Every structure is written in structure tokens, then in C-alpha cells.
Amino acid sequence: MFTKEDKGLLLTEVQILCPDHTGELDNDFAIQEVNRSILSVKNNKATGCDSIPHEAWKTLVTADKEAASLTKLFNP
């Protein structure tokens, strides 16, 4: 079990190893990023909470027009 001193030590190590990148989280996704992430998923795996098979996402990404639509969907 951790003590208060251990918790402070762990937070200090995390802050040193992982600098603050929260500003990068506000950037929009690029079409290339959406394509790369969807195409990197392996086939014949369990679906996510949306119950859409990975093969269906890959089919949507193959057409450039659809990739642009998906990117607009993922960006705020």
C-alpha cells in the first residue's frame, strides 16, 4: 500500500518523465492520421462499443471522400 510520501514521489517522477503536452490535445486530426490509425487495426478482432467491425471502418477509409468525412466527424 502506498503512503502519502510514495504518492508524492510517484507524481514527481511522472512529471519529470512525461512533460505537459496538453496543448497538443487541442489540435484537430489530420486525414492522414485518421487513415493510418484505422488501417493499422487488425482484421477479425472484437468490435468496440460501437459494434462496428474493423473491416467496415477500413472500407470507409479506402475512398478519399469518405476519409475526409470521417475526419470531420472526429474533429470538434
PDB file of N, CA and C in Angstrom:
ATOM      1  N   MET A   1       0.840  -1.181   0.000  1.00  0.00           N
ATOM      2  CA  MET A   1       0.000   0.000   0.000  1.00  0.00           C
ATOM      3  C   MET A   1       0.885   1.243   0.000  1.00  0.00           C
ATOM      4  N   PHE A   2       0.482   2.252  -0.738  1.00  0.00           N
ATOM      5  CA  PHE A   2       1.258   3.477  -0.842  1.00  0.00           C
ATOM      6  C   PHE A   2       0.964   4.406   0.324  1.00  0.00           C
ATOM      7  N   THR A   3       1.962   5.131   0.712  1.00  0.00           N
ATOM      8  CA  THR A   3       1.777   6.176   1.720  1.00  0.00           C
ATOM      9  C   THR A   3       1.730   7.516   1.009  1.00  0.00           C
ATOM     10  N   LYS A   4       1.455   8.572   1.747  1.00  0.00           N
ATOM     11  CA  LYS A   4       1.413   9.905   1.145  1.00  0.00           C
ATOM     12  C   LYS A   4       2.765  10.281   0.553  1.00  0.00           C
ATOM     13  N   GLU A   5       3.846   9.856   1.208  1.00  0.00           N
ATOM     14  CA  GLU A   5       5.178  10.172   0.694  1.00  0.00           C
ATOM     15  C   GLU A   5       5.437   9.469  -0.636  1.00  0.00           C
ATOM     16  N   ASP A   6       4.995   8.216  -0.765  1.00  0.00           N
ATOM     17  CA  ASP A   6       5.165   7.482  -2.016  1.00  0.00           C
ATOM     18  C   ASP A   6       4.396   8.143  -3.149  1.00  0.00           C
ATOM     19  N   LYS A   7       3.185   8.571  -2.872  1.00  0.00           N
ATOM     20  CA  LYS A   7       2.359   9.205  -3.896  1.00  0.00           C
ATOM     21  C   LYS A   7       3.035  10.461  -4.429  1.00  0.00           C
ATOM     22  N   GLY A   8       3.584  11.277  -3.554  1.00  0.00           N
ATOM     23  CA  GLY A   8       4.285  12.483  -3.985  1.00  0.00           C
ATOM     24  C   GLY A   8       5.498  12.155  -4.830  1.00  0.00           C
ATOM     25  N   LEU A   9       6.214  11.103  -4.453  1.00  0.00           N
ATOM     26  CA  LEU A   9       7.391  10.683  -5.204  1.00  0.00           C
ATOM     27  C   LEU A   9       6.989  10.208  -6.599  1.00  0.00           C
ATOM     28  N   LEU A  10       5.936   9.407  -6.691  1.00  0.00           N
ATOM     29  CA  LEU A  10       5.489   8.916  -7.991  1.00  0.00           C
ATOM     30  C   LEU A  10       5.027  10.054  -8.890  1.00  0.00           C
ATOM     31  N   LEU A  11       4.304  11.006  -8.349  1.00  0.00           N
ATOM     32  CA  LEU A  11       3.855  12.130  -9.163  1.00  0.00           C
ATOM     33  C   LEU A  11       5.031  12.944  -9.663  1.00  0.00           C
ATOM     34  N   THR A  12       6.044  13.108  -8.833  1.00  0.00           N
ATOM     35  CA  THR A  12       7.215  13.863  -9.253  1.00  0.00           C
ATOM     36  C   THR A  12       7.922  13.134 -10.401  1.00  0.00           C
ATOM     37  N   GLU A  13       8.056  11.811 -10.315  1.00  0.00           N
ATOM     38  CA  GLU A  13       8.701  11.051 -11.379  1.00  0.00           C
ATOM     39  C   GLU A  13       7.905  11.120 -12.674  1.00  0.00           C
ATOM     40  N   VAL A  14       6.601  11.049 -12.577  1.00  0.00           N
ATOM     41  CA  VAL A  14       5.758  11.130 -13.770  1.00  0.00           C
ATOM     42  C   VAL A  14       5.890  12.495 -14.412  1.00  0.00           C
ATOM     43  N   GLN A  15       5.915  13.528 -13.620  1.00  0.00           N
ATOM     44  CA  GLN A  15       6.037  14.874 -14.172  1.00  0.00           C
ATOM     45  C   GLN A  15       7.375  15.067 -14.859  1.00  0.00           C
ATOM     46  N   ILE A  16       8.421  14.429 -14.363  1.00  0.00           N
ATOM     47  CA  ILE A  16       9.745  14.549 -14.973  1.00  0.00           C
ATOM     48  C   ILE A  16       9.787  13.756 -16.286  1.00  0.00           C
ATOM     49  N   LEU A  17       9.249  12.539 -16.276  1.00  0.00           N
ATOM     50  CA  LEU A  17       9.320  11.680 -17.450  1.00  0.00           C
ATOM     51  C   LEU A  17       8.336  12.083 -18.540  1.00  0.00           C
ATOM     52  N   CYS A  18       7.211  12.653 -18.164  1.00  0.00           N
ATOM     53  CA  CYS A  18       6.161  12.995 -19.119  1.00  0.00           C
ATOM     54  C   CYS A  18       5.864  14.490 -19.036  1.00  0.00           C
ATOM     55  N   PRO A  19       6.531  15.302 -19.823  1.00  0.00           N
ATOM     56  CA  PRO A  19       6.242  16.738 -19.779  1.00  0.00           C
ATOM     57  C   PRO A  19       4.812  17.027 -20.219  1.00  0.00           C
ATOM     58  N   ASP A  20       4.341  18.177 -19.868  1.00  0.00           N
ATOM     59  CA  ASP A  20       2.961  18.556 -20.153  1.00  0.00           C
ATOM     60  C   ASP A  20       2.760  18.778 -21.653  1.00  0.00           C
ATOM     61  N   HIS A  21       1.909  17.950 -22.267  1.00  0.00           N
ATOM     62  CA  HIS A  21       1.600  18.058 -23.692  1.00  0.00           C
ATOM     63  C   HIS A  21       0.121  18.335 -23.903  1.00  0.00           C
ATOM     64  N   THR A  22      -0.537  18.919 -22.916  1.00  0.00           N
ATOM     65  CA  THR A  22      -1.975  19.109 -23.038  1.00  0.00           C
ATOM     66  C   THR A  22      -2.333  20.078 -24.156  1.00  0.00           C
ATOM     67  N   GLY A  23      -1.452  20.972 -24.528  1.00  0.00           N
ATOM     68  CA  GLY A  23      -1.723  21.888 -25.626  1.00  0.00           C
ATOM     69  C   GLY A  23      -1.887  21.164 -26.949  1.00  0.00           C
ATOM     70  N   GLU A  24      -1.195  20.026 -27.110  1.00  0.00           N
ATOM     71  CA  GLU A  24      -1.288  19.245 -28.340  1.00  0.00           C
ATOM     72  C   GLU A  24      -2.627  18.529 -28.462  1.00  0.00           C
ATOM     73  N   LEU A  25      -3.335  18.355 -27.348  1.00  0.00           N
ATOM     74  CA  LEU A  25      -4.607  17.648 -27.382  1.00  0.00           C
ATOM     75  C   LEU A  25      -5.708  18.473 -28.037  1.00  0.00           C
ATOM     76  N   ASP A  26      -5.504  19.756 -28.184  1.00  0.00           N
ATOM     77  CA  ASP A  26      -6.495  20.637 -28.791  1.00  0.00           C
ATOM     78  C   ASP A  26      -6.397  20.677 -30.313  1.00  0.00           C
ATOM     79  N   ASN A  27      -5.356  20.078 -30.878  1.00  0.00           N
ATOM     80  CA  ASN A  27      -5.182  20.090 -32.330  1.00  0.00           C
ATOM     81  C   ASN A  27      -6.188  19.159 -32.999  1.00  0.00           C
ATOM     82  N   ASP A  28      -6.611  19.524 -34.202  1.00  0.00           N
ATOM     83  CA  ASP A  28      -7.519  18.675 -34.962  1.00  0.00           C
ATOM     84  C   ASP A  28      -6.754  17.489 -35.551  1.00  0.00           C
ATOM     85  N   PHE A  29      -7.492  16.418 -35.840  1.00  0.00           N
ATOM     86  CA  PHE A  29      -6.908  15.266 -36.503  1.00  0.00           C
ATOM     87  C   PHE A  29      -6.721  15.580 -37.981  1.00  0.00           C
ATOM     88  N   ALA A  30      -5.632  15.102 -38.551  1.00  0.00           N
ATOM     89  CA  ALA A  30      -5.405  15.215 -39.993  1.00  0.00           C
ATOM     90  C   ALA A  30      -5.974  13.972 -40.669  1.00  0.00           C
ATOM     91  N   ILE A  31      -6.298  14.097 -41.949  1.00  0.00           N
ATOM     92  CA  ILE A  31      -6.839  12.964 -42.702  1.00  0.00           C
ATOM     93  C   ILE A  31      -5.848  11.799 -42.673  1.00  0.00           C
ATOM     94  N   GLN A  32      -4.562  12.084 -42.765  1.00  0.00           N
ATOM     95  CA  GLN A  32      -3.546  11.036 -42.755  1.00  0.00           C
ATOM     96  C   GLN A  32      -3.543  10.290 -41.423  1.00  0.00           C
ATOM     97  N   GLU A  33      -3.738  11.002 -40.319  1.00  0.00           N
ATOM     98  CA  GLU A  33      -3.772  10.351 -39.011  1.00  0.00           C
ATOM     99  C   GLU A  33      -4.963   9.407 -38.885  1.00  0.00           C
ATOM    100  N   VAL A  34      -6.112   9.842 -39.377  1.00  0.00           N
ATOM    101  CA  VAL A  34      -7.308   9.000 -39.323  1.00  0.00           C
ATOM    102  C   VAL A  34      -7.096   7.762 -40.178  1.00  0.00           C
ATOM    103  N   ASN A  35      -6.577   7.941 -41.391  1.00  0.00           N
ATOM    104  CA  ASN A  35      -6.309   6.798 -42.277  1.00  0.00           C
ATOM    105  C   ASN A  35      -5.345   5.816 -41.624  1.00  0.00           C
ATOM    106  N   ARG A  36      -4.235   6.333 -41.115  1.00  0.00           N
ATOM    107  CA  ARG A  36      -3.204   5.470 -40.540  1.00  0.00           C
ATOM    108  C   ARG A  36      -3.734   4.689 -39.342  1.00  0.00           C
ATOM    109  N   SER A  37      -4.482   5.337 -38.475  1.00  0.00           N
ATOM    110  CA  SER A  37      -4.962   4.651 -37.276  1.00  0.00           C
ATOM    111  C   SER A  37      -6.010   3.593 -37.605  1.00  0.00           C
ATOM    112  N   ILE A  38      -6.909   3.885 -38.527  1.00  0.00           N
ATOM    113  CA  ILE A  38      -7.942   2.902 -38.877  1.00  0.00           C
ATOM    114  C   ILE A  38      -7.343   1.735 -39.648  1.00  0.00           C
ATOM    115  N   LEU A  39      -6.433   2.014 -40.570  1.00  0.00           N
ATOM    116  CA  LEU A  39      -5.841   0.936 -41.366  1.00  0.00           C
ATOM    117  C   LEU A  39      -4.872   0.068 -40.563  1.00  0.00           C
ATOM    118  N   SER A  40      -4.386   0.557 -39.417  1.00  0.00           N
ATOM    119  CA  SER A  40      -3.453  -0.234 -38.604  1.00  0.00           C
ATOM    120  C   SER A  40      -4.148  -1.265 -37.728  1.00  0.00           C
ATOM    121  N   VAL A  41      -5.471  -1.191 -37.606  1.00  0.00           N
ATOM    122  CA  VAL A  41      -6.215  -2.141 -36.786  1.00  0.00           C
ATOM    123  C   VAL A  41      -6.275  -3.483 -37.511  1.00  0.00           C
ATOM    124  N   LYS A  42      -6.067  -4.563 -36.768  1.00  0.00           N
ATOM    125  CA  LYS A  42      -6.078  -5.900 -37.369  1.00  0.00           C
ATOM    126  C   LYS A  42      -7.502  -6.359 -37.650  1.00  0.00           C
ATOM    127  N   ASN A  43      -7.654  -7.164 -38.692  1.00  0.00           N
ATOM    128  CA  ASN A  43      -8.955  -7.737 -39.046  1.00  0.00           C
ATOM    129  C   ASN A  43      -9.313  -8.880 -38.103  1.00  0.00           C
ATOM    130  N   ASN A  44     -10.589  -9.243 -38.116  1.00  0.00           N
ATOM    131  CA  ASN A  44     -11.114 -10.377 -37.350  1.00  0.00           C
ATOM    132  C   ASN A  44     -10.882 -10.243 -35.850  1.00  0.00           C
ATOM    133  N   LYS A  45     -10.989  -9.039 -35.336  1.00  0.00           N
ATOM    134  CA  LYS A  45     -10.886  -8.789 -33.897  1.00  0.00           C
ATOM    135  C   LYS A  45     -12.244  -8.351 -33.385  1.00  0.00           C
ATOM    136  N   ALA A  46     -12.408  -8.364 -32.080  1.00  0.00           N
ATOM    137  CA  ALA A  46     -13.676  -7.967 -31.472  1.00  0.00           C
ATOM    138  C   ALA A  46     -13.966  -6.498 -31.768  1.00  0.00           C
ATOM    139  N   THR A  47     -15.244  -6.190 -31.929  1.00  0.00           N
ATOM    140  CA  THR A  47     -15.639  -4.807 -32.199  1.00  0.00           C
ATOM    141  C   THR A  47     -15.574  -3.999 -30.912  1.00  0.00           C
ATOM    142  N   GLY A  48     -15.583  -2.702 -31.060  1.00  0.00           N
ATOM    143  CA  GLY A  48     -15.597  -1.820 -29.908  1.00  0.00           C
ATOM    144  C   GLY A  48     -17.012  -1.610 -29.415  1.00  0.00           C
ATOM    145  N   CYS A  49     -17.199  -0.598 -28.590  1.00  0.00           N
ATOM    146  CA  CYS A  49     -18.520  -0.340 -28.018  1.00  0.00           C
ATOM    147  C   CYS A  49     -19.532   0.101 -29.075  1.00  0.00           C
ATOM    148  N   ASP A  50     -19.060   0.510 -30.254  1.00  0.00           N
ATOM    149  CA  ASP A  50     -19.984   0.911 -31.314  1.00  0.00           C
ATOM    150  C   ASP A  50     -20.483  -0.278 -32.138  1.00  0.00           C
ATOM    151  N   SER A  51     -19.939  -1.457 -31.923  1.00  0.00           N
ATOM    152  CA  SER A  51     -20.315  -2.709 -32.612  1.00  0.00           C
ATOM    153  C   SER A  51     -20.100  -2.653 -34.119  1.00  0.00           C
ATOM    154  N   ILE A  52     -19.223  -1.774 -34.571  1.00  0.00           N
ATOM    155  CA  ILE A  52     -18.904  -1.682 -35.998  1.00  0.00           C
ATOM    156  C   ILE A  52     -17.613  -2.470 -36.236  1.00  0.00           C
ATOM    157  N   PRO A  53     -17.640  -3.476 -37.117  1.00  0.00           N
ATOM    158  CA  PRO A  53     -16.424  -4.258 -37.378  1.00  0.00           C
ATOM    159  C   PRO A  53     -15.314  -3.394 -37.970  1.00  0.00           C
ATOM    160  N   HIS A  54     -14.083  -3.789 -37.673  1.00  0.00           N
ATOM    161  CA  HIS A  54     -12.927  -3.038 -38.180  1.00  0.00           C
ATOM    162  C   HIS A  54     -12.882  -3.035 -39.696  1.00  0.00           C
ATOM    163  N   GLU A  55     -13.344  -4.099 -40.298  1.00  0.00           N
ATOM    164  CA  GLU A  55     -13.358  -4.177 -41.755  1.00  0.00           C
ATOM    165  C   GLU A  55     -14.265  -3.103 -42.358  1.00  0.00           C
ATOM    166  N   ALA A  56     -15.354  -2.764 -41.671  1.00  0.00           N
ATOM    167  CA  ALA A  56     -16.251  -1.709 -42.164  1.00  0.00           C
ATOM    168  C   ALA A  56     -15.561  -0.351 -42.109  1.00  0.00           C
ATOM    169  N   TRP A  57     -14.838  -0.080 -41.034  1.00  0.00           N
ATOM    170  CA  TRP A  57     -14.099   1.189 -40.941  1.00  0.00           C
ATOM    171  C   TRP A  57     -13.054   1.270 -42.057  1.00  0.00           C
ATOM    172  N   LYS A  58     -12.367   0.156 -42.302  1.00  0.00           N
ATOM    173  CA  LYS A  58     -11.341   0.143 -43.352  1.00  0.00           C
ATOM    174  C   LYS A  58     -11.952   0.376 -44.727  1.00  0.00           C
ATOM    175  N   THR A  59     -13.141  -0.159 -44.954  1.00  0.00           N
ATOM    176  CA  THR A  59     -13.822   0.057 -46.228  1.00  0.00           C
ATOM    177  C   THR A  59     -14.152   1.530 -46.408  1.00  0.00           C
ATOM    178  N   LEU A  60     -14.579   2.189 -45.355  1.00  0.00           N
ATOM    179  CA  LEU A  60     -14.897   3.614 -45.436  1.00  0.00           C
ATOM    180  C   LEU A  60     -13.669   4.466 -45.725  1.00  0.00           C
ATOM    181  N   VAL A  61     -12.530   4.061 -45.202  1.00  0.00           N
ATOM    182  CA  VAL A  61     -11.313   4.862 -45.346  1.00  0.00           C
ATOM    183  C   VAL A  61     -10.696   4.726 -46.726  1.00  0.00           C
ATOM    184  N   THR A  62     -10.993   3.656 -47.451  1.00  0.00           N
ATOM    185  CA  THR A  62     -10.335   3.438 -48.738  1.00  0.00           C
ATOM    186  C   THR A  62     -10.672   4.511 -49.765  1.00  0.00           C
ATOM    187  N   ALA A  63     -11.862   5.090 -49.690  1.00  0.00           N
ATOM    188  CA  ALA A  63     -12.228   6.181 -50.602  1.00  0.00           C
ATOM    189  C   ALA A  63     -11.814   7.506 -49.965  1.00  0.00           C
ATOM    190  N   ASP A  64     -11.132   8.345 -50.709  1.00  0.00           N
ATOM    191  CA  ASP A  64     -10.624   9.612 -50.162  1.00  0.00           C
ATOM    192  C   ASP A  64     -11.764  10.501 -49.673  1.00  0.00           C
ATOM    193  N   LYS A  65     -12.880  10.475 -50.355  1.00  0.00           N
ATOM    194  CA  LYS A  65     -14.017  11.291 -49.959  1.00  0.00           C
ATOM    195  C   LYS A  65     -14.524  10.878 -48.583  1.00  0.00           C
ATOM    196  N   GLU A  66     -14.569   9.562 -48.340  1.00  0.00           N
ATOM    197  CA  GLU A  66     -15.047   9.061 -47.054  1.00  0.00           C
ATOM    198  C   GLU A  66     -14.064   9.375 -45.931  1.00  0.00           C
ATOM    199  N   ALA A  67     -12.760   9.327 -46.220  1.00  0.00           N
ATOM    200  CA  ALA A  67     -11.763   9.647 -45.202  1.00  0.00           C
ATOM    201  C   ALA A  67     -11.918  11.089 -44.746  1.00  0.00           C
ATOM    202  N   ALA A  68     -12.211  11.975 -45.669  1.00  0.00           N
ATOM    203  CA  ALA A  68     -12.420  13.368 -45.303  1.00  0.00           C
ATOM    204  C   ALA A  68     -13.654  13.525 -44.433  1.00  0.00           C
ATOM    205  N   SER A  69     -14.709  12.776 -44.737  1.00  0.00           N
ATOM    206  CA  SER A  69     -15.933  12.840 -43.933  1.00  0.00           C
ATOM    207  C   SER A  69     -15.688  12.309 -42.526  1.00  0.00           C
ATOM    208  N   LEU A  70     -14.938  11.204 -42.423  1.00  0.00           N
ATOM    209  CA  LEU A  70     -14.631  10.655 -41.103  1.00  0.00           C
ATOM    210  C   LEU A  70     -13.780  11.623 -40.288  1.00  0.00           C
ATOM    211  N   THR A  71     -12.845  12.293 -40.934  1.00  0.00           N
ATOM    212  CA  THR A  71     -12.011  13.260 -40.222  1.00  0.00           C
ATOM    213  C   THR A  71     -12.855  14.394 -39.685  1.00  0.00           C
ATOM    214  N   LYS A  72     -13.803  14.867 -40.455  1.00  0.00           N
ATOM    215  CA  LYS A  72     -14.704  15.917 -39.973  1.00  0.00           C
ATOM    216  C   LYS A  72     -15.541  15.418 -38.805  1.00  0.00           C
ATOM    217  N   LEU A  73     -15.923  14.152 -38.827  1.00  0.00           N
ATOM    218  CA  LEU A  73     -16.697  13.570 -37.744  1.00  0.00           C
ATOM    219  C   LEU A  73     -15.884  13.526 -36.444  1.00  0.00           C
ATOM    220  N   PHE A  74     -14.613  13.168 -36.529  1.00  0.00           N
ATOM    221  CA  PHE A  74     -13.774  13.023 -35.342  1.00  0.00           C
ATOM    222  C   PHE A  74     -13.295  14.363 -34.787  1.00  0.00           C
ATOM    223  N   ASN A  75     -13.199  15.381 -35.608  1.00  0.00           N
ATOM    224  CA  ASN A  75     -12.772  16.694 -35.135  1.00  0.00           C
ATOM    225  C   ASN A  75     -13.955  17.451 -34.549  1.00  0.00           C
ATOM    226  N   PRO A  76     -13.704  18.259 -33.515  1.00  0.00           N
ATOM    227  CA  PRO A  76     -14.837  19.011 -32.908  1.00  0.00           C
ATOM    228  C   PRO A  76     -15.361  20.101 -33.801  1.00  0.00           C
TER     229      PRO A  76
END
